[in-house]
PDB file of N, CA and C in Angstrom:
ATOM      1  N   MET A   1      10.608   1.265 -18.245  1.00  0.00           N
ATOM      2  CA  MET A   1       9.850   0.582 -19.184  1.00  0.00           C
ATOM      3  C   MET A   1       9.352   1.887 -20.210  1.00  0.00           C
ATOM      4  N   GLY A   2       9.796   1.694 -21.671  1.00  0.00           N
ATOM      5  CA  GLY A   2       8.925   2.762 -22.593  1.00  0.00           C
ATOM      6  C   GLY A   2       7.729   2.414 -23.106  1.00  0.00           C
ATOM      7  N   ALA A   3       7.269   1.307 -23.356  1.00  0.00           N
ATOM      8  CA  ALA A   3       6.344   0.896 -23.907  1.00  0.00           C
ATOM      9  C   ALA A   3       5.093   0.876 -23.114  1.00  0.00           C
ATOM     10  N   LYS A   4       3.763   1.280 -23.373  1.00  0.00           N
ATOM     11  CA  LYS A   4       2.717   1.190 -22.485  1.00  0.00           C
ATOM     12  C   LYS A   4       2.375  -0.312 -22.149  1.00  0.00           C
ATOM     13  N   THR A   5       2.339  -0.476 -20.874  1.00  0.00           N
ATOM     14  CA  THR A   5       2.125  -1.734 -20.305  1.00  0.00           C
ATOM     15  C   THR A   5       0.988  -1.648 -19.046  1.00  0.00           C
ATOM     16  N   VAL A   6       0.583  -2.692 -18.679  1.00  0.00           N
ATOM     17  CA  VAL A   6      -0.149  -3.066 -17.648  1.00  0.00           C
ATOM     18  C   VAL A   6       0.674  -3.527 -16.707  1.00  0.00           C
ATOM     19  N   VAL A   7       0.794  -2.988 -15.506  1.00  0.00           N
ATOM     20  CA  VAL A   7       1.402  -3.689 -14.370  1.00  0.00           C
ATOM     21  C   VAL A   7       0.704  -4.055 -13.236  1.00  0.00           C
ATOM     22  N   LEU A   8       0.496  -5.254 -12.691  1.00  0.00           N
ATOM     23  CA  LEU A   8      -0.219  -5.578 -11.487  1.00  0.00           C
ATOM     24  C   LEU A   8       0.666  -6.044 -10.350  1.00  0.00           C
ATOM     25  N   MET A   9       0.522  -5.109  -9.503  1.00  0.00           N
ATOM     26  CA  MET A   9       1.416  -5.381  -8.201  1.00  0.00           C
ATOM     27  C   MET A   9       0.312  -5.519  -6.931  1.00  0.00           C
ATOM     28  N   GLU A  10       0.028  -6.857  -6.817  1.00  0.00           N
ATOM     29  CA  GLU A  10      -0.946  -7.129  -5.902  1.00  0.00           C
ATOM     30  C   GLU A  10      -0.580  -8.122  -4.840  1.00  0.00           C
ATOM     31  N   GLY A  11      -0.515  -7.454  -3.538  1.00  0.00           N
ATOM     32  CA  GLY A  11       0.196  -7.800  -2.349  1.00  0.00           C
ATOM     33  C   GLY A  11       1.814  -8.124  -2.507  1.00  0.00           C
ATOM     34  N   VAL A  12       2.333  -6.949  -3.166  1.00  0.00           N
ATOM     35  CA  VAL A  12       3.607  -6.787  -3.071  1.00  0.00           C
ATOM     36  C   VAL A  12       4.293  -5.469  -2.474  1.00  0.00           C
ATOM     37  N   SER A  13       3.420  -4.348  -2.446  1.00  0.00           N
ATOM     38  CA  SER A  13       4.358  -3.150  -2.241  1.00  0.00           C
ATOM     39  C   SER A  13       4.491  -3.001  -0.562  1.00  0.00           C
ATOM     40  N   GLN A  14       4.035  -3.764   0.106  1.00  0.00           N
ATOM     41  CA  GLN A  14       4.142  -3.695   1.477  1.00  0.00           C
ATOM     42  C   GLN A  14       5.344  -4.662   2.024  1.00  0.00           C
ATOM     43  N   TYR A  15       5.973  -5.216   0.945  1.00  0.00           N
ATOM     44  CA  TYR A  15       7.296  -6.085   1.253  1.00  0.00           C
ATOM     45  C   TYR A  15       8.419  -5.314   0.621  1.00  0.00           C
ATOM     46  N   ILE A  16       8.223  -4.344  -0.013  1.00  0.00           N
ATOM     47  CA  ILE A  16       9.532  -3.466  -0.642  1.00  0.00           C
ATOM     48  C   ILE A  16       9.519  -2.096  -0.041  1.00  0.00           C
ATOM     49  N   PRO A  17      10.466  -1.569  -0.312  1.00  0.00           N
ATOM     50  CA  PRO A  17      10.380   0.294   0.162  1.00  0.00           C
ATOM     51  C   PRO A  17       9.983   0.865  -0.734  1.00  0.00           C
ATOM     52  N   ASN A  18       9.137   1.932  -0.199  1.00  0.00           N
ATOM     53  CA  ASN A  18       8.240   2.528  -1.202  1.00  0.00           C
ATOM     54  C   ASN A  18       8.872   3.023  -2.302  1.00  0.00           C
ATOM     55  N   GLU A  19      10.053   3.539  -2.206  1.00  0.00           N
ATOM     56  CA  GLU A  19      10.842   4.146  -3.371  1.00  0.00           C
ATOM     57  C   GLU A  19      11.170   3.082  -4.559  1.00  0.00           C
ATOM     58  N   SER A  20      10.973   1.885  -4.083  1.00  0.00           N
ATOM     59  CA  SER A  20      11.190   0.887  -5.039  1.00  0.00           C
ATOM     60  C   SER A  20      10.198   0.580  -6.067  1.00  0.00           C
ATOM     61  N   SER A  21       9.004   1.232  -5.606  1.00  0.00           N
ATOM     62  CA  SER A  21       7.919   0.949  -6.769  1.00  0.00           C
ATOM     63  C   SER A  21       7.898   1.985  -7.744  1.00  0.00           C
ATOM     64  N   SER A  22       8.792   2.986  -7.564  1.00  0.00           N
ATOM     65  CA  SER A  22       8.793   3.825  -8.791  1.00  0.00           C
ATOM     66  C   SER A  22       9.473   3.112 -10.200  1.00  0.00           C
ATOM     67  N   GLY A  23       9.377   3.865 -10.972  1.00  0.00           N
ATOM     68  CA  GLY A  23       9.895   3.461 -12.405  1.00  0.00           C
ATOM     69  C   GLY A  23       9.610   2.300 -12.932  1.00  0.00           C
ATOM     70  N   LEU A  24       8.306   1.683 -12.474  1.00  0.00           N
ATOM     71  CA  LEU A  24       7.876   0.398 -13.068  1.00  0.00           C
ATOM     72  C   LEU A  24       7.071   0.346 -14.356  1.00  0.00           C
ATOM     73  N   VAL A  25       6.387   1.597 -14.368  1.00  0.00           N
ATOM     74  CA  VAL A  25       5.627   1.847 -15.752  1.00  0.00           C
ATOM     75  C   VAL A  25       5.974   3.021 -16.442  1.00  0.00           C
ATOM     76  N   GLY A  26       5.838   3.034 -17.961  1.00  0.00           N
ATOM     77  CA  GLY A  26       5.931   4.025 -18.627  1.00  0.00           C
ATOM     78  C   GLY A  26       4.606   4.859 -19.120  1.00  0.00           C
ATOM     79  N   GLU A  27       4.949   6.058 -19.502  1.00  0.00           N
ATOM     80  CA  GLU A  27       4.071   6.803 -19.664  1.00  0.00           C
ATOM     81  C   GLU A  27       2.805   6.211 -20.433  1.00  0.00           C
ATOM     82  N   GLY A  28       1.549   6.368 -20.125  1.00  0.00           N
ATOM     83  CA  GLY A  28       0.342   5.941 -20.925  1.00  0.00           C
ATOM     84  C   GLY A  28       0.079   4.492 -20.519  1.00  0.00           C
ATOM     85  N   SER A  29       0.875   4.273 -19.541  1.00  0.00           N
ATOM     86  CA  SER A  29       0.676   2.667 -19.046  1.00  0.00           C
ATOM     87  C   SER A  29      -0.181   2.572 -17.769  1.00  0.00           C
ATOM     88  N   VAL A  30      -0.900   1.319 -17.358  1.00  0.00           N
ATOM     89  CA  VAL A  30      -1.692   1.264 -16.312  1.00  0.00           C
ATOM     90  C   VAL A  30      -1.058   0.395 -15.161  1.00  0.00           C
ATOM     91  N   LEU A  31      -1.387   1.184 -14.045  1.00  0.00           N
ATOM     92  CA  LEU A  31      -0.815   0.419 -12.499  1.00  0.00           C
ATOM     93  C   LEU A  31      -1.771  -0.083 -12.184  1.00  0.00           C
ATOM     94  N   GLY A  32      -2.115  -1.515 -11.756  1.00  0.00           N
ATOM     95  CA  GLY A  32      -2.948  -2.043 -10.787  1.00  0.00           C
ATOM     96  C   GLY A  32      -1.947  -2.376  -9.469  1.00  0.00           C
ATOM     97  N   ILE A  33      -2.574  -1.802  -8.160  1.00  0.00           N
ATOM     98  CA  ILE A  33      -1.537  -2.028  -7.246  1.00  0.00           C
ATOM     99  C   ILE A  33      -2.469  -2.139  -5.788  1.00  0.00           C
ATOM    100  N   THR A  34      -2.350  -2.747  -4.848  1.00  0.00           N
ATOM    101  CA  THR A  34      -2.696  -2.852  -3.470  1.00  0.00           C
ATOM    102  C   THR A  34      -1.581  -2.506  -2.556  1.00  0.00           C
ATOM    103  N   TYR A  35      -1.889  -1.945  -1.783  1.00  0.00           N
ATOM    104  CA  TYR A  35      -1.071  -1.267  -0.549  1.00  0.00           C
ATOM    105  C   TYR A  35      -1.502  -1.496   0.734  1.00  0.00           C
ATOM    106  N   ALA A  36      -0.506  -1.598   1.657  1.00  0.00           N
ATOM    107  CA  ALA A  36      -0.829  -1.521   2.983  1.00  0.00           C
ATOM    108  C   ALA A  36      -1.002  -0.196   3.663  1.00  0.00           C
ATOM    109  N   ASN A  37      -2.227   0.282   4.290  1.00  0.00           N
ATOM    110  CA  ASN A  37      -2.349   1.567   4.905  1.00  0.00           C
ATOM    111  C   ASN A  37      -1.239   1.773   5.906  1.00  0.00           C
ATOM    112  N   GLU A  38      -0.456   2.927   5.717  1.00  0.00           N
ATOM    113  CA  GLU A  38       0.456   3.211   6.927  1.00  0.00           C
ATOM    114  C   GLU A  38       0.093   3.216   8.067  1.00  0.00           C
ATOM    115  N   VAL A  39      -1.173   3.327   8.521  1.00  0.00           N
ATOM    116  CA  VAL A  39      -1.948   2.943   9.741  1.00  0.00           C
ATOM    117  C   VAL A  39      -1.518   1.639  10.567  1.00  0.00           C
ATOM    118  N   CYS A  40      -1.429   0.764   9.462  1.00  0.00           N
ATOM    119  CA  CYS A  40      -1.156  -0.605  10.083  1.00  0.00           C
ATOM    120  C   CYS A  40       0.147  -0.602  11.033  1.00  0.00           C
ATOM    121  N   PHE A  41       0.912   0.374  10.822  1.00  0.00           N
ATOM    122  CA  PHE A  41       2.129   0.395  11.499  1.00  0.00           C
ATOM    123  C   PHE A  41       2.102   1.351  12.816  1.00  0.00           C
ATOM    124  N   TYR A  42       1.060   2.005  13.065  1.00  0.00           N
ATOM    125  CA  TYR A  42       0.583   2.987  14.063  1.00  0.00           C
ATOM    126  C   TYR A  42       0.693   2.266  15.318  1.00  0.00           C
ATOM    127  N   ASP A  43       1.146   2.819  16.400  1.00  0.00           N
ATOM    128  CA  ASP A  43       0.793   2.519  17.818  1.00  0.00           C
ATOM    129  C   ASP A  43      -0.077   3.369  18.524  1.00  0.00           C
ATOM    130  N   ASP A  44      -1.244   3.119  17.865  1.00  0.00           N
ATOM    131  CA  ASP A  44      -2.458   4.124  18.211  1.00  0.00           C
ATOM    132  C   ASP A  44      -3.707   3.165  18.050  1.00  0.00           C
ATOM    133  N   PRO A  45      -4.112   2.580  18.989  1.00  0.00           N
ATOM    134  CA  PRO A  45      -5.283   1.475  18.818  1.00  0.00           C
ATOM    135  C   PRO A  45      -6.596   2.037  18.159  1.00  0.00           C
ATOM    136  N   GLU A  46      -6.940   3.499  18.649  1.00  0.00           N
ATOM    137  CA  GLU A  46      -8.177   3.830  18.241  1.00  0.00           C
ATOM    138  C   GLU A  46      -7.983   4.357  16.651  1.00  0.00           C
ATOM    139  N   LYS A  47      -6.691   4.839  16.315  1.00  0.00           N
ATOM    140  CA  LYS A  47      -6.723   5.331  15.010  1.00  0.00           C
ATOM    141  C   LYS A  47      -6.607   4.223  13.971  1.00  0.00           C
ATOM    142  N   VAL A  48      -6.009   2.841  14.405  1.00  0.00           N
ATOM    143  CA  VAL A  48      -6.029   1.957  13.691  1.00  0.00           C
ATOM    144  C   VAL A  48      -7.388   1.251  13.217  1.00  0.00           C
ATOM    145  N   LYS A  49      -8.035   1.056  14.416  1.00  0.00           N
ATOM    146  CA  LYS A  49      -9.469   0.900  14.334  1.00  0.00           C
ATOM    147  C   LYS A  49     -10.420   1.688  13.503  1.00  0.00           C
ATOM    148  N   GLN A  50     -10.137   2.884  13.617  1.00  0.00           N
ATOM    149  CA  GLN A  50     -10.997   3.825  12.815  1.00  0.00           C
ATOM    150  C   GLN A  50     -10.279   3.814  11.388  1.00  0.00           C
ATOM    151  N   ASP A  51      -9.488   3.865  11.179  1.00  0.00           N
ATOM    152  CA  ASP A  51      -8.949   4.014   9.668  1.00  0.00           C
ATOM    153  C   ASP A  51      -8.938   2.814   9.018  1.00  0.00           C
ATOM    154  N   ILE A  52      -8.895   1.694   9.568  1.00  0.00           N
ATOM    155  CA  ILE A  52      -8.567   0.428   8.602  1.00  0.00           C
ATOM    156  C   ILE A  52      -9.461  -0.623   9.233  1.00  0.00           C
ATOM    157  N   GLY A  53     -10.370  -0.423  10.425  1.00  0.00           N
ATOM    158  CA  GLY A  53     -11.557  -1.401  10.871  1.00  0.00           C
ATOM    159  C   GLY A  53     -11.094  -2.778  11.456  1.00  0.00           C
ATOM    160  N   ILE A  54      -9.579  -2.643  11.926  1.00  0.00           N
ATOM    161  CA  ILE A  54      -9.092  -3.762  12.496  1.00  0.00           C
ATOM    162  C   ILE A  54      -8.712  -3.503  13.927  1.00  0.00           C
ATOM    163  N   LYS A  55      -8.662  -4.240  14.824  1.00  0.00           N
ATOM    164  CA  LYS A  55      -8.475  -4.113  16.126  1.00  0.00           C
ATOM    165  C   LYS A  55      -6.864  -4.062  16.002  1.00  0.00           C
ATOM    166  N   HIS A  56      -6.350  -2.894  16.878  1.00  0.00           N
ATOM    167  CA  HIS A  56      -4.990  -2.838  16.764  1.00  0.00           C
ATOM    168  C   HIS A  56      -4.302  -4.086  17.558  1.00  0.00           C
ATOM    169  N   ALA A  57      -4.665  -5.039  18.356  1.00  0.00           N
ATOM    170  CA  ALA A  57      -3.986  -6.113  18.894  1.00  0.00           C
ATOM    171  C   ALA A  57      -3.852  -7.161  17.631  1.00  0.00           C
ATOM    172  N   ASP A  58      -5.078  -7.211  16.877  1.00  0.00           N
ATOM    173  CA  ASP A  58      -4.950  -8.217  15.622  1.00  0.00           C
ATOM    174  C   ASP A  58      -4.054  -8.010  14.797  1.00  0.00           C
ATOM    175  N   MET A  59      -3.951  -6.472  14.361  1.00  0.00           N
ATOM    176  CA  MET A  59      -3.025  -5.976  13.401  1.00  0.00           C
ATOM    177  C   MET A  59      -1.473  -6.245  13.893  1.00  0.00           C
ATOM    178  N   VAL A  60      -1.305  -6.337  15.515  1.00  0.00           N
ATOM    179  CA  VAL A  60       0.135  -6.138  15.765  1.00  0.00           C
ATOM    180  C   VAL A  60       0.427  -7.901  15.550  1.00  0.00           C
ATOM    181  N   LYS A  61      -0.754  -8.593  16.210  1.00  0.00           N
ATOM    182  CA  LYS A  61      -0.460 -10.264  15.518  1.00  0.00           C
ATOM    183  C   LYS A  61       0.038 -10.384  14.422  1.00  0.00           C
ATOM    184  N   MET A  62      -0.740  -9.674  13.485  1.00  0.00           N
ATOM    185  CA  MET A  62      -0.617 -10.178  12.122  1.00  0.00           C
ATOM    186  C   MET A  62       0.887  -9.646  11.662  1.00  0.00           C
ATOM    187  N   LEU A  63       1.512  -8.563  12.059  1.00  0.00           N
ATOM    188  CA  LEU A  63       2.504  -8.016  11.704  1.00  0.00           C
ATOM    189  C   LEU A  63       3.628  -8.754  12.282  1.00  0.00           C
ATOM    190  N   ARG A  64       3.562  -9.406  13.673  1.00  0.00           N
ATOM    191  CA  ARG A  64       4.424 -10.177  14.159  1.00  0.00           C
ATOM    192  C   ARG A  64       4.666 -11.396  13.430  1.00  0.00           C
ATOM    193  N   LEU A  65       3.396 -12.341  13.112  1.00  0.00           N
ATOM    194  CA  LEU A  65       3.356 -13.507  12.354  1.00  0.00           C
ATOM    195  C   LEU A  65       4.150 -13.394  11.020  1.00  0.00           C
ATOM    196  N   VAL A  66       3.910 -12.271  10.136  1.00  0.00           N
ATOM    197  CA  VAL A  66       4.623 -12.199   8.733  1.00  0.00           C
ATOM    198  C   VAL A  66       6.068 -12.010   8.881  1.00  0.00           C
ATOM    199  N   GLU A  67       6.330 -11.380  10.064  1.00  0.00           N
ATOM    200  CA  GLU A  67       7.765 -10.931  10.137  1.00  0.00           C
ATOM    201  C   GLU A  67       8.452 -12.555  10.683  1.00  0.00           C
ATOM    202  N   LYS A  68       7.780 -13.129  11.648  1.00  0.00           N
ATOM    203  CA  LYS A  68       8.263 -14.450  11.993  1.00  0.00           C
ATOM    204  C   LYS A  68       8.471 -15.435  10.870  1.00  0.00           C
ATOM    205  N   VAL A  69       7.616 -15.478   9.977  1.00  0.00           N
ATOM    206  CA  VAL A  69       7.850 -16.398   8.858  1.00  0.00           C
ATOM    207  C   VAL A  69       8.749 -15.746   7.574  1.00  0.00           C
ATOM    208  N   GLY A  70       9.439 -14.752   8.193  1.00  0.00           N
ATOM    209  CA  GLY A  70      10.584 -14.125   7.281  1.00  0.00           C
ATOM    210  C   GLY A  70      10.006 -13.335   6.010  1.00  0.00           C
ATOM    211  N   GLU A  71       8.463 -12.903   6.035  1.00  0.00           N
ATOM    212  CA  GLU A  71       8.177 -11.678   5.178  1.00  0.00           C
ATOM    213  C   GLU A  71       7.637 -10.711   5.452  1.00  0.00           C
ATOM    214  N   PRO A  72       8.183  -9.977   6.467  1.00  0.00           N
ATOM    215  CA  PRO A  72       7.793  -8.753   7.223  1.00  0.00           C
ATOM    216  C   PRO A  72       7.525  -7.315   6.319  1.00  0.00           C
ATOM    217  N   TRP A  73       6.254  -6.878   6.712  1.00  0.00           N
ATOM    218  CA  TRP A  73       5.783  -5.865   5.968  1.00  0.00           C
ATOM    219  C   TRP A  73       6.736  -4.809   6.489  1.00  0.00           C
ATOM    220  N   ILE A  74       7.086  -3.981   5.361  1.00  0.00           N
ATOM    221  CA  ILE A  74       8.132  -2.913   5.759  1.00  0.00           C
ATOM    222  C   ILE A  74       7.570  -1.371   5.296  1.00  0.00           C
ATOM    223  N   ALA A  75       6.491  -1.368   4.460  1.00  0.00           N
ATOM    224  CA  ALA A  75       6.155  -0.174   3.746  1.00  0.00           C
ATOM    225  C   ALA A  75       4.496  -0.113   3.684  1.00  0.00           C
ATOM    226  N   GLY A  76       4.161   1.052   4.065  1.00  0.00           N
ATOM    227  CA  GLY A  76       2.860   1.534   3.758  1.00  0.00           C
ATOM    228  C   GLY A  76       2.462   2.926   3.172  1.00  0.00           C
ATOM    229  N   TRP A  77       1.638   3.218   2.698  1.00  0.00           N
ATOM    230  CA  TRP A  77       0.997   4.451   2.296  1.00  0.00           C
ATOM    231  C   TRP A  77      -0.243   4.830   2.909  1.00  0.00           C
ATOM    232  N   SER A  78      -0.373   6.385   3.021  1.00  0.00           N
ATOM    233  CA  SER A  78      -1.949   6.717   3.214  1.00  0.00           C
ATOM    234  C   SER A  78      -2.286   7.091   1.756  1.00  0.00           C
ATOM    235  N   PRO A  79      -3.490   7.221   1.519  1.00  0.00           N
ATOM    236  CA  PRO A  79      -4.157   7.562   0.224  1.00  0.00           C
ATOM    237  C   PRO A  79      -3.633   8.668  -0.144  1.00  0.00           C
ATOM    238  N   THR A  80      -3.332   9.639   0.478  1.00  0.00           N
ATOM    239  CA  THR A  80      -2.748  11.253   0.185  1.00  0.00           C
ATOM    240  C   THR A  80      -1.391  10.790  -0.183  1.00  0.00           C
ATOM    241  N   SER A  81      -0.581  10.162   0.305  1.00  0.00           N
ATOM    242  CA  SER A  81       0.812  10.240   0.168  1.00  0.00           C
ATOM    243  C   SER A  81       1.248   9.223  -1.019  1.00  0.00           C
ATOM    244  N   PHE A  82       0.076   8.118  -1.163  1.00  0.00           N
ATOM    245  CA  PHE A  82       0.436   7.233  -2.332  1.00  0.00           C
ATOM    246  C   PHE A  82      -0.030   8.097  -3.969  1.00  0.00           C
ATOM    247  N   GLN A  83      -1.035   8.990  -3.508  1.00  0.00           N
ATOM    248  CA  GLN A  83      -1.284   9.860  -4.688  1.00  0.00           C
ATOM    249  C   GLN A  83      -0.314  10.902  -5.079  1.00  0.00           C
ATOM    250  N   ASP A  84       0.289  11.238  -3.977  1.00  0.00           N
ATOM    251  CA  ASP A  84       1.388  12.140  -4.192  1.00  0.00           C
ATOM    252  C   ASP A  84       2.588  11.666  -4.721  1.00  0.00           C
ATOM    253  N   PHE A  85       2.922  10.454  -4.485  1.00  0.00           N
ATOM    254  CA  PHE A  85       3.892   9.681  -5.002  1.00  0.00           C
ATOM    255  C   PHE A  85       3.647   9.418  -6.751  1.00  0.00           C
ATOM    256  N   LEU A  86       2.462   9.218  -6.883  1.00  0.00           N
ATOM    257  CA  LEU A  86       2.154   8.755  -8.279  1.00  0.00           C
ATOM    258  C   LEU A  86       2.298  10.141  -9.169  1.00  0.00           C
ATOM    259  N   LYS A  87       1.600  11.254  -8.603  1.00  0.00           N
ATOM    260  CA  LYS A  87       1.941  12.537  -9.222  1.00  0.00           C
ATOM    261  C   LYS A  87       3.425  12.946  -9.901  1.00  0.00           C
ATOM    262  N   ASP A  88       4.253  12.462  -8.833  1.00  0.00           N
ATOM    263  CA  ASP A  88       5.817  12.835  -9.122  1.00  0.00           C
ATOM    264  C   ASP A  88       6.236  11.911 -10.504  1.00  0.00           C
ATOM    265  N   PHE A  89       5.232  10.867 -11.211  1.00  0.00           N
ATOM    266  CA  PHE A  89       5.617  10.138 -12.077  1.00  0.00           C
ATOM    267  C   PHE A  89       4.452  10.407 -13.142  1.00  0.00           C
ATOM    268  N   SER A  90       3.541  11.433 -13.040  1.00  0.00           N
ATOM    269  CA  SER A  90       2.666  11.923 -13.889  1.00  0.00           C
ATOM    270  C   SER A  90       1.636  10.856 -14.008  1.00  0.00           C
ATOM    271  N   PHE A  91       1.409  10.144 -13.050  1.00  0.00           N
ATOM    272  CA  PHE A  91       0.048   9.300 -12.783  1.00  0.00           C
ATOM    273  C   PHE A  91      -0.777   9.832 -11.972  1.00  0.00           C
ATOM    274  N   ALA A  92      -2.142   9.343 -11.957  1.00  0.00           N
ATOM    275  CA  ALA A  92      -3.054  10.000 -11.243  1.00  0.00           C
ATOM    276  C   ALA A  92      -3.906   8.633 -10.785  1.00  0.00           C
ATOM    277  N   VAL A  93      -4.478   8.782  -9.415  1.00  0.00           N
ATOM    278  CA  VAL A  93      -5.430   7.627  -8.857  1.00  0.00           C
ATOM    279  C   VAL A  93      -6.820   7.800  -9.597  1.00  0.00           C
ATOM    280  N   THR A  94      -7.172   6.841  -9.995  1.00  0.00           N
ATOM    281  CA  THR A  94      -8.438   6.824 -10.472  1.00  0.00           C
ATOM    282  C   THR A  94      -9.600   6.041  -9.630  1.00  0.00           C
ATOM    283  N   ASP A  95      -9.041   5.235  -8.782  1.00  0.00           N
ATOM    284  CA  ASP A  95      -9.875   4.535  -7.882  1.00  0.00           C
ATOM    285  C   ASP A  95      -9.093   4.156  -6.575  1.00  0.00           C
ATOM    286  N   ASP A  96      -9.558   4.266  -5.465  1.00  0.00           N
ATOM    287  CA  ASP A  96      -8.690   3.936  -4.361  1.00  0.00           C
ATOM    288  C   ASP A  96      -9.981   3.415  -3.101  1.00  0.00           C
ATOM    289  N   VAL A  97      -9.712   2.021  -3.074  1.00  0.00           N
ATOM    290  CA  VAL A  97     -10.641   1.451  -2.150  1.00  0.00           C
ATOM    291  C   VAL A  97      -9.985   0.811  -1.175  1.00  0.00           C
ATOM    292  N   SER A  98     -10.664   1.069   0.017  1.00  0.00           N
ATOM    293  CA  SER A  98      -9.899   0.264   1.388  1.00  0.00           C
ATOM    294  C   SER A  98     -10.898  -0.647   1.666  1.00  0.00           C
ATOM    295  N   VAL A  99     -10.384  -1.915   2.546  1.00  0.00           N
ATOM    296  CA  VAL A  99     -11.056  -2.850   3.237  1.00  0.00           C
ATOM    297  C   VAL A  99     -12.441  -2.346   3.605  1.00  0.00           C
ATOM    298  N   SER A 100     -12.288  -1.238   4.185  1.00  0.00           N
ATOM    299  CA  SER A 100     -13.324  -0.936   4.858  1.00  0.00           C
ATOM    300  C   SER A 100     -14.441  -0.322   4.047  1.00  0.00           C
ATOM    301  N   ASP A 101     -14.159   0.222   3.055  1.00  0.00           N
ATOM    302  CA  ASP A 101     -15.165   0.727   1.837  1.00  0.00           C
ATOM    303  C   ASP A 101     -15.865  -0.254   1.271  1.00  0.00           C
ATOM    304  N   ARG A 102     -15.363  -1.692   1.681  1.00  0.00           N
ATOM    305  CA  ARG A 102     -15.907  -2.591   0.813  1.00  0.00           C
ATOM    306  C   ARG A 102     -17.043  -3.353   1.498  1.00  0.00           C
ATOM    307  N   LYS A 103     -17.382  -2.704   2.734  1.00  0.00           N
ATOM    308  CA  LYS A 103     -18.049  -3.474   3.511  1.00  0.00           C
ATOM    309  C   LYS A 103     -19.742  -3.051   3.346  1.00  0.00           C
TER     310      LYS A 103
END
């Protein structure tokens, strides 16, 4: 996309490979995006609870459910990896709020 654009990817990025998120917006554009924290995929109950505030068992149930209905989550980001990814395209994170931040 060459023109300045506003792109909203809410509830999309966890269903596509991370690299597929590149090239969606041109210089001067705005990208609004939600993403699954990569911790969702960890097999570390303490880390899952600490970082995203959800019991590991509940996260596993949810991931199995979305896979069962044919919509598996396949990708996630950490705040740092997402910020680094955007830098490669000359974008910067202006606000990154997690579910646990909203409490």
